[in-house]
């Protein structure tokens, strides 16, 4: 019996040292840790941590919002300045004069405009429209015929026509040129009124930006002269800011405008 008790004690010792007992100890230790984690003090610490995190996030969002507002305000100021500058430039009077001689016109950056029969600066020329006009004539290559006199004694090139201010001479051409000139000035007026953005504004020179010129063109259309009639005589202008007076031609029609550099349309 004693041996049984000893055996039981040994068995009990073996029982306490068994793997099953070790697992029980580990579980008790885990339970103890879990109890520690559920400690109210620890819960309060976690709650404060979350509050601090939310507070930092709110401050960050607030700073980003203020930064965005500042950026938008700066952009608005620059955009307002840009619009104001464009408005000032649009309302600024642009001169279409080029000087006293062809050489001076060239040195001032002017080019000959065959629609206007005048030397004009960049701001007063519509180069794409000029290119179209110079291909709208009756010649095989689309050019226009220019002559030294009504009898077609000698033809003139566009370059020779452009140099007429040096001599004060005139060129002669057909009635069709006159009509197409009027039509292209109406195109120029239309295009000028709609180029208020990135394409830039083309100024229509005072010489033609008048109701008098429109009335003059209306009369030319109503005359119904033959298109090949040599009824057009004009000079080449260097001063397109100048308002000019229409001169009566021999048939009673108003053919040109008298200016400093001779008669021009």
Protein backbone atom coordinates (compact mmCIF):
# COMPACT_ATOMS: atom_id res chain seq x y z
CA UNK A 1 0.00 0.00 0.00
CA UNK A 2 2.82 2.29 0.85
CA UNK A 3 4.32 1.47 -2.43
CA UNK A 4 1.04 2.37 -4.05
CA UNK A 5 1.09 5.69 -2.30
CA UNK A 6 4.61 6.24 -3.45
CA UNK A 7 3.59 5.21 -6.84
CA UNK A 8 0.71 7.68 -6.63
CA UNK A 9 3.08 10.44 -5.53
CA UNK A 10 5.38 9.66 -8.34
CA UNK A 11 2.43 9.48 -10.59
CA UNK A 12 1.31 12.83 -9.23
CA UNK A 13 4.73 14.34 -9.83
CA UNK A 14 4.73 12.93 -13.31
CA UNK A 15 1.27 14.37 -13.74
CA UNK A 16 2.46 17.89 -12.81
CA UNK A 17 5.42 17.56 -15.12
CA UNK A 18 3.37 16.25 -18.03
CA UNK A 19 2.96 18.20 -21.34
CA UNK A 20 -0.75 18.57 -20.57
CA UNK A 21 0.07 20.48 -17.42
CA UNK A 22 2.52 22.70 -19.34
CA UNK A 23 -0.21 23.64 -21.77
CA UNK A 24 -2.47 24.54 -18.88
CA UNK A 25 0.21 26.83 -17.49
CA UNK A 26 0.69 28.52 -20.84
CA UNK A 27 -3.03 29.08 -21.21
CA UNK A 28 -3.22 30.53 -17.72
CA UNK A 29 -0.35 32.86 -18.64
CA UNK A 30 -2.17 33.96 -21.85
CA UNK A 31 -5.38 34.53 -19.92
CA UNK A 32 -3.42 36.61 -17.45
CA UNK A 33 -2.00 38.75 -20.29
CA UNK A 34 -5.44 39.20 -21.82
CA UNK A 35 -6.72 40.39 -18.49
CA UNK A 36 -3.87 42.85 -18.42
CA UNK A 37 -4.77 44.14 -21.88
CA UNK A 38 -8.32 44.74 -20.78
CA UNK A 39 -7.05 46.93 -18.04
CA UNK A 40 -9.10 50.21 -18.02
CA UNK A 41 -5.92 52.26 -17.89
CA UNK A 42 -4.71 50.67 -21.11
CA UNK A 43 -8.11 51.29 -22.74
CA UNK A 44 -7.88 54.96 -21.81
CA UNK A 45 -4.39 55.15 -23.28
CA UNK A 46 -5.64 53.70 -26.60
CA UNK A 47 -8.55 56.13 -26.67
CA UNK A 48 -6.23 59.09 -26.12
CA UNK A 49 -3.95 57.82 -28.87
CA UNK A 50 -6.87 57.67 -31.31
CA UNK A 51 -7.91 61.19 -30.33
CA UNK A 52 -4.37 62.44 -30.91
CA UNK A 53 -4.24 60.75 -34.30
CA UNK A 54 -7.55 62.32 -35.32
CA UNK A 55 -6.31 65.69 -34.12
CA UNK A 56 -3.13 65.43 -36.17
CA UNK A 57 -5.13 64.38 -39.22
CA UNK A 58 -7.49 67.33 -38.75
CA UNK A 59 -4.58 69.75 -38.48
CA UNK A 60 -3.01 68.28 -41.62
CA UNK A 61 -6.28 68.61 -43.57
CA UNK A 62 -6.69 72.17 -42.30
CA UNK A 63 -3.16 73.11 -43.41
CA UNK A 64 -3.68 71.55 -46.83
CA UNK A 65 -6.96 73.44 -47.18
CA UNK A 66 -5.29 76.76 -46.32
CA UNK A 67 -2.47 75.99 -48.77
CA UNK A 68 -5.02 75.24 -51.50
CA UNK A 69 -6.86 78.51 -50.81
CA UNK A 70 -3.58 80.45 -50.97
CA UNK A 71 -2.64 78.78 -54.28
CA UNK A 72 -6.07 79.55 -55.76
CA UNK A 73 -5.82 83.16 -54.58
CA UNK A 74 -2.38 83.56 -56.19
CA UNK A 75 -3.62 81.99 -59.43
CA UNK A 76 -6.66 84.31 -59.38
CA UNK A 77 -4.46 87.39 -58.98
CA UNK A 78 -2.22 86.36 -61.89
CA UNK A 79 -5.23 85.50 -64.09
CA UNK A 80 -6.86 88.85 -63.30
CA UNK A 81 -3.61 90.62 -64.15
CA UNK A 82 -3.38 88.70 -67.44
CA UNK A 83 -6.95 89.60 -68.41
CA UNK A 84 -6.40 93.24 -67.44
CA UNK A 85 -3.21 93.39 -69.53
CA UNK A 86 -5.01 91.94 -72.56
CA UNK A 87 -7.85 94.42 -72.13
CA UNK A 88 -5.42 97.33 -71.93
CA UNK A 89 -3.58 96.12 -75.01
CA UNK A 90 -6.84 95.59 -76.91
CA UNK A 91 -8.01 99.12 -76.11
CA UNK A 92 -4.64 100.65 -76.86
CA UNK A 93 -4.54 102.62 -80.10
CA UNK A 94 -2.36 100.83 -82.64
CA UNK A 95 -0.79 102.89 -85.40
CA UNK A 96 -0.83 101.46 -88.91
CA UNK A 97 1.58 104.10 -90.25
CA UNK A 98 4.93 102.92 -91.57
CA UNK A 99 6.99 106.06 -92.17
CA UNK A 100 7.80 108.45 -94.97
CA UNK A 101 9.59 106.17 -97.45
CA UNK A 102 9.61 102.52 -98.43
CA UNK A 103 13.05 102.13 -96.83
CA UNK A 104 11.73 103.56 -93.59
CA UNK A 105 8.70 101.27 -93.78
CA UNK A 106 10.95 98.23 -94.16
CA UNK A 107 13.15 99.36 -91.27
CA UNK A 108 9.99 99.71 -89.16
CA UNK A 109 9.07 96.10 -89.83
CA UNK A 110 6.26 96.88 -92.30
CA UNK A 111 5.38 94.74 -95.31
CA UNK A 112 3.40 95.45 -98.45
CA UNK A 113 -0.27 94.45 -98.26
CA UNK A 114 -1.70 93.92 -101.74
CA UNK A 115 -5.31 94.00 -100.51
CA UNK A 116 -4.79 97.44 -98.96
CA UNK A 117 -2.34 98.70 -101.60
CA UNK A 118 -0.36 99.92 -98.60
CA UNK A 119 2.63 99.18 -96.40
CA UNK A 120 1.38 97.94 -93.02
CA UNK A 121 2.93 96.75 -89.74
CA UNK A 122 2.28 93.24 -88.42
CA UNK A 123 -0.61 94.35 -86.18
CA UNK A 124 -2.53 95.70 -89.17
CA UNK A 125 -1.96 92.83 -91.62
CA UNK A 126 -3.78 89.54 -92.04
CA UNK A 127 -1.08 87.60 -93.87
CA UNK A 128 -3.20 84.49 -94.52
CA UNK A 129 -5.92 86.65 -96.05
CA UNK A 130 -3.34 88.44 -98.20
CA UNK A 131 -2.07 85.09 -99.48
CA UNK A 132 -5.63 84.12 -100.45
CA UNK A 133 -6.20 87.46 -102.20
CA UNK A 134 -3.03 87.09 -104.25
CA UNK A 135 -4.38 83.76 -105.60
CA UNK A 136 -7.89 85.08 -106.33
CA UNK A 137 -7.05 86.97 -109.54
CA UNK A 138 -7.98 86.09 -113.14
CA UNK A 139 -4.47 85.20 -114.33
CA UNK A 140 -3.66 81.51 -114.78
CA UNK A 141 -1.61 81.44 -111.59
CA UNK A 142 -4.29 83.36 -109.67
CA UNK A 143 -2.35 86.62 -109.64
CA UNK A 144 -3.73 90.06 -110.46
CA UNK A 145 -2.78 92.18 -113.51
CA UNK A 146 -1.18 95.55 -112.71
CA UNK A 147 -0.25 98.15 -115.34
CA UNK A 148 1.54 101.48 -115.57
CA UNK A 149 -1.41 103.13 -117.32
CA UNK A 150 -4.94 102.56 -118.56
CA UNK A 151 -3.66 101.49 -121.98
CA UNK A 152 -1.78 98.55 -120.44
CA UNK A 153 1.50 99.88 -121.82
CA UNK A 154 3.56 97.85 -119.37
CA UNK A 155 2.73 95.32 -116.69
CA UNK A 156 3.95 95.72 -113.14
CA UNK A 157 4.95 93.03 -110.67
CA UNK A 158 3.67 93.18 -107.10
CA UNK A 159 7.14 94.28 -106.01
CA UNK A 160 7.15 97.11 -108.54
CA UNK A 161 3.72 98.19 -107.33
CA UNK A 162 4.95 98.17 -103.73
CA UNK A 163 7.75 100.61 -104.66
CA UNK A 164 5.43 103.25 -106.13
CA UNK A 165 5.57 105.50 -103.03
CA UNK A 166 9.17 106.27 -103.98
CA UNK A 167 7.99 107.93 -107.20
CA UNK A 168 4.47 108.91 -106.17
CA UNK A 169 3.09 106.94 -109.12
CA UNK A 170 -0.14 104.97 -109.47
CA UNK A 171 -1.01 101.53 -110.75
CA UNK A 172 -3.96 100.58 -112.94
CA UNK A 173 -5.92 97.36 -112.78
CA UNK A 174 -9.26 95.82 -113.67
CA UNK A 175 -12.64 96.45 -112.07
CA UNK A 176 -12.64 92.88 -110.70
CA UNK A 177 -9.66 93.75 -108.47
CA UNK A 178 -11.68 96.63 -107.03
CA UNK A 179 -14.65 94.40 -106.17
CA UNK A 180 -12.56 91.62 -104.67
CA UNK A 181 -10.61 94.21 -102.66
CA UNK A 182 -13.92 95.33 -101.13
CA UNK A 183 -15.00 91.76 -100.39
CA UNK A 184 -11.68 90.95 -98.73
CA UNK A 185 -11.89 94.04 -96.55
CA UNK A 186 -15.26 92.83 -95.34
CA UNK A 187 -13.57 89.51 -94.55
CA UNK A 188 -10.81 91.34 -92.71
CA UNK A 189 -13.34 93.31 -90.67
CA UNK A 190 -15.18 90.10 -89.74
CA UNK A 191 -12.02 88.21 -88.82
CA UNK A 192 -10.68 91.16 -86.84
CA UNK A 193 -13.80 91.35 -84.68
CA UNK A 194 -13.48 87.68 -83.69
CA UNK A 195 -9.78 87.37 -82.95
CA UNK A 196 -9.82 88.33 -79.29
CA UNK A 197 -8.04 85.25 -77.96
CA UNK A 198 -4.71 83.43 -78.46
CA UNK A 199 -4.89 84.15 -82.20
CA UNK A 200 -4.35 87.87 -81.63
CA UNK A 201 -6.29 90.89 -82.91
CA UNK A 202 -5.68 92.26 -86.41
CA UNK A 203 -6.30 96.00 -86.48
CA UNK A 204 -8.23 97.34 -89.44
CA UNK A 205 -6.55 100.59 -90.39
CA UNK A 206 -8.47 103.86 -90.16
CA UNK A 207 -8.10 104.31 -93.89
CA UNK A 208 -10.67 101.55 -94.48
CA UNK A 209 -12.39 101.16 -91.12
CA UNK A 210 -15.10 103.65 -92.03
CA UNK A 211 -18.68 103.63 -93.19
CA UNK A 212 -17.55 105.79 -96.12
CA UNK A 213 -15.45 102.92 -97.46
CA UNK A 214 -18.35 100.49 -97.12
CA UNK A 215 -20.63 102.92 -98.96
CA UNK A 216 -17.97 103.31 -101.65
CA UNK A 217 -17.73 99.53 -102.11
CA UNK A 218 -21.51 99.26 -102.31
CA UNK A 219 -21.51 101.73 -105.22
CA UNK A 220 -18.77 99.78 -106.97
CA UNK A 221 -20.86 96.60 -106.80
CA UNK A 222 -23.95 98.37 -108.07
CA UNK A 223 -22.12 99.89 -111.06
CA UNK A 224 -21.99 96.48 -112.76
CA UNK A 225 -19.02 97.40 -114.93
CA UNK A 226 -17.42 94.54 -116.89
CA UNK A 227 -14.95 92.73 -114.66
CA UNK A 228 -12.09 93.24 -117.10
CA UNK A 229 -12.78 96.97 -117.48
CA UNK A 230 -9.66 99.07 -116.73
CA UNK A 231 -11.55 101.29 -114.27
CA UNK A 232 -9.31 101.12 -111.22
CA UNK A 233 -6.44 103.49 -110.51
CA UNK A 234 -4.73 103.58 -107.13
CA UNK A 235 -1.61 104.72 -105.34
CA UNK A 236 0.27 102.90 -102.58
CA UNK A 237 0.01 104.33 -99.09
CA UNK A 238 2.51 104.53 -96.25
CA UNK A 239 0.11 106.37 -93.90
CA UNK A 240 -2.94 104.20 -93.28
CA UNK A 241 -3.97 106.02 -90.10
CA UNK A 242 -4.93 108.97 -92.26
CA UNK A 243 -8.57 109.47 -93.13
CA UNK A 244 -8.70 110.29 -96.81
CA UNK A 245 -11.22 111.85 -99.14
CA UNK A 246 -12.61 109.93 -102.07
CA UNK A 247 -11.87 111.53 -105.44
CA UNK A 248 -14.25 111.46 -108.37
CA UNK A 249 -12.98 109.80 -111.49
CA UNK A 250 -13.73 110.90 -115.01
CA UNK A 251 -16.87 108.78 -115.26
CA UNK A 252 -18.18 110.31 -112.04
CA UNK A 253 -17.52 107.24 -109.89
CA UNK A 254 -15.41 107.41 -106.77
CA UNK A 255 -12.34 105.42 -107.58
CA UNK A 256 -9.68 106.29 -105.08
CA UNK A 257 -8.75 108.27 -102.02
CA UNK A 258 -6.54 111.31 -102.13
CA UNK A 259 -3.77 111.17 -99.56
CA UNK A 260 -0.22 112.33 -99.07
CA UNK A 261 1.15 109.70 -101.40
CA UNK A 262 -1.31 110.18 -104.22
CA UNK A 263 -4.62 108.65 -105.00
CA UNK A 264 -5.32 105.26 -103.55
CA UNK A 265 -8.45 103.22 -103.25
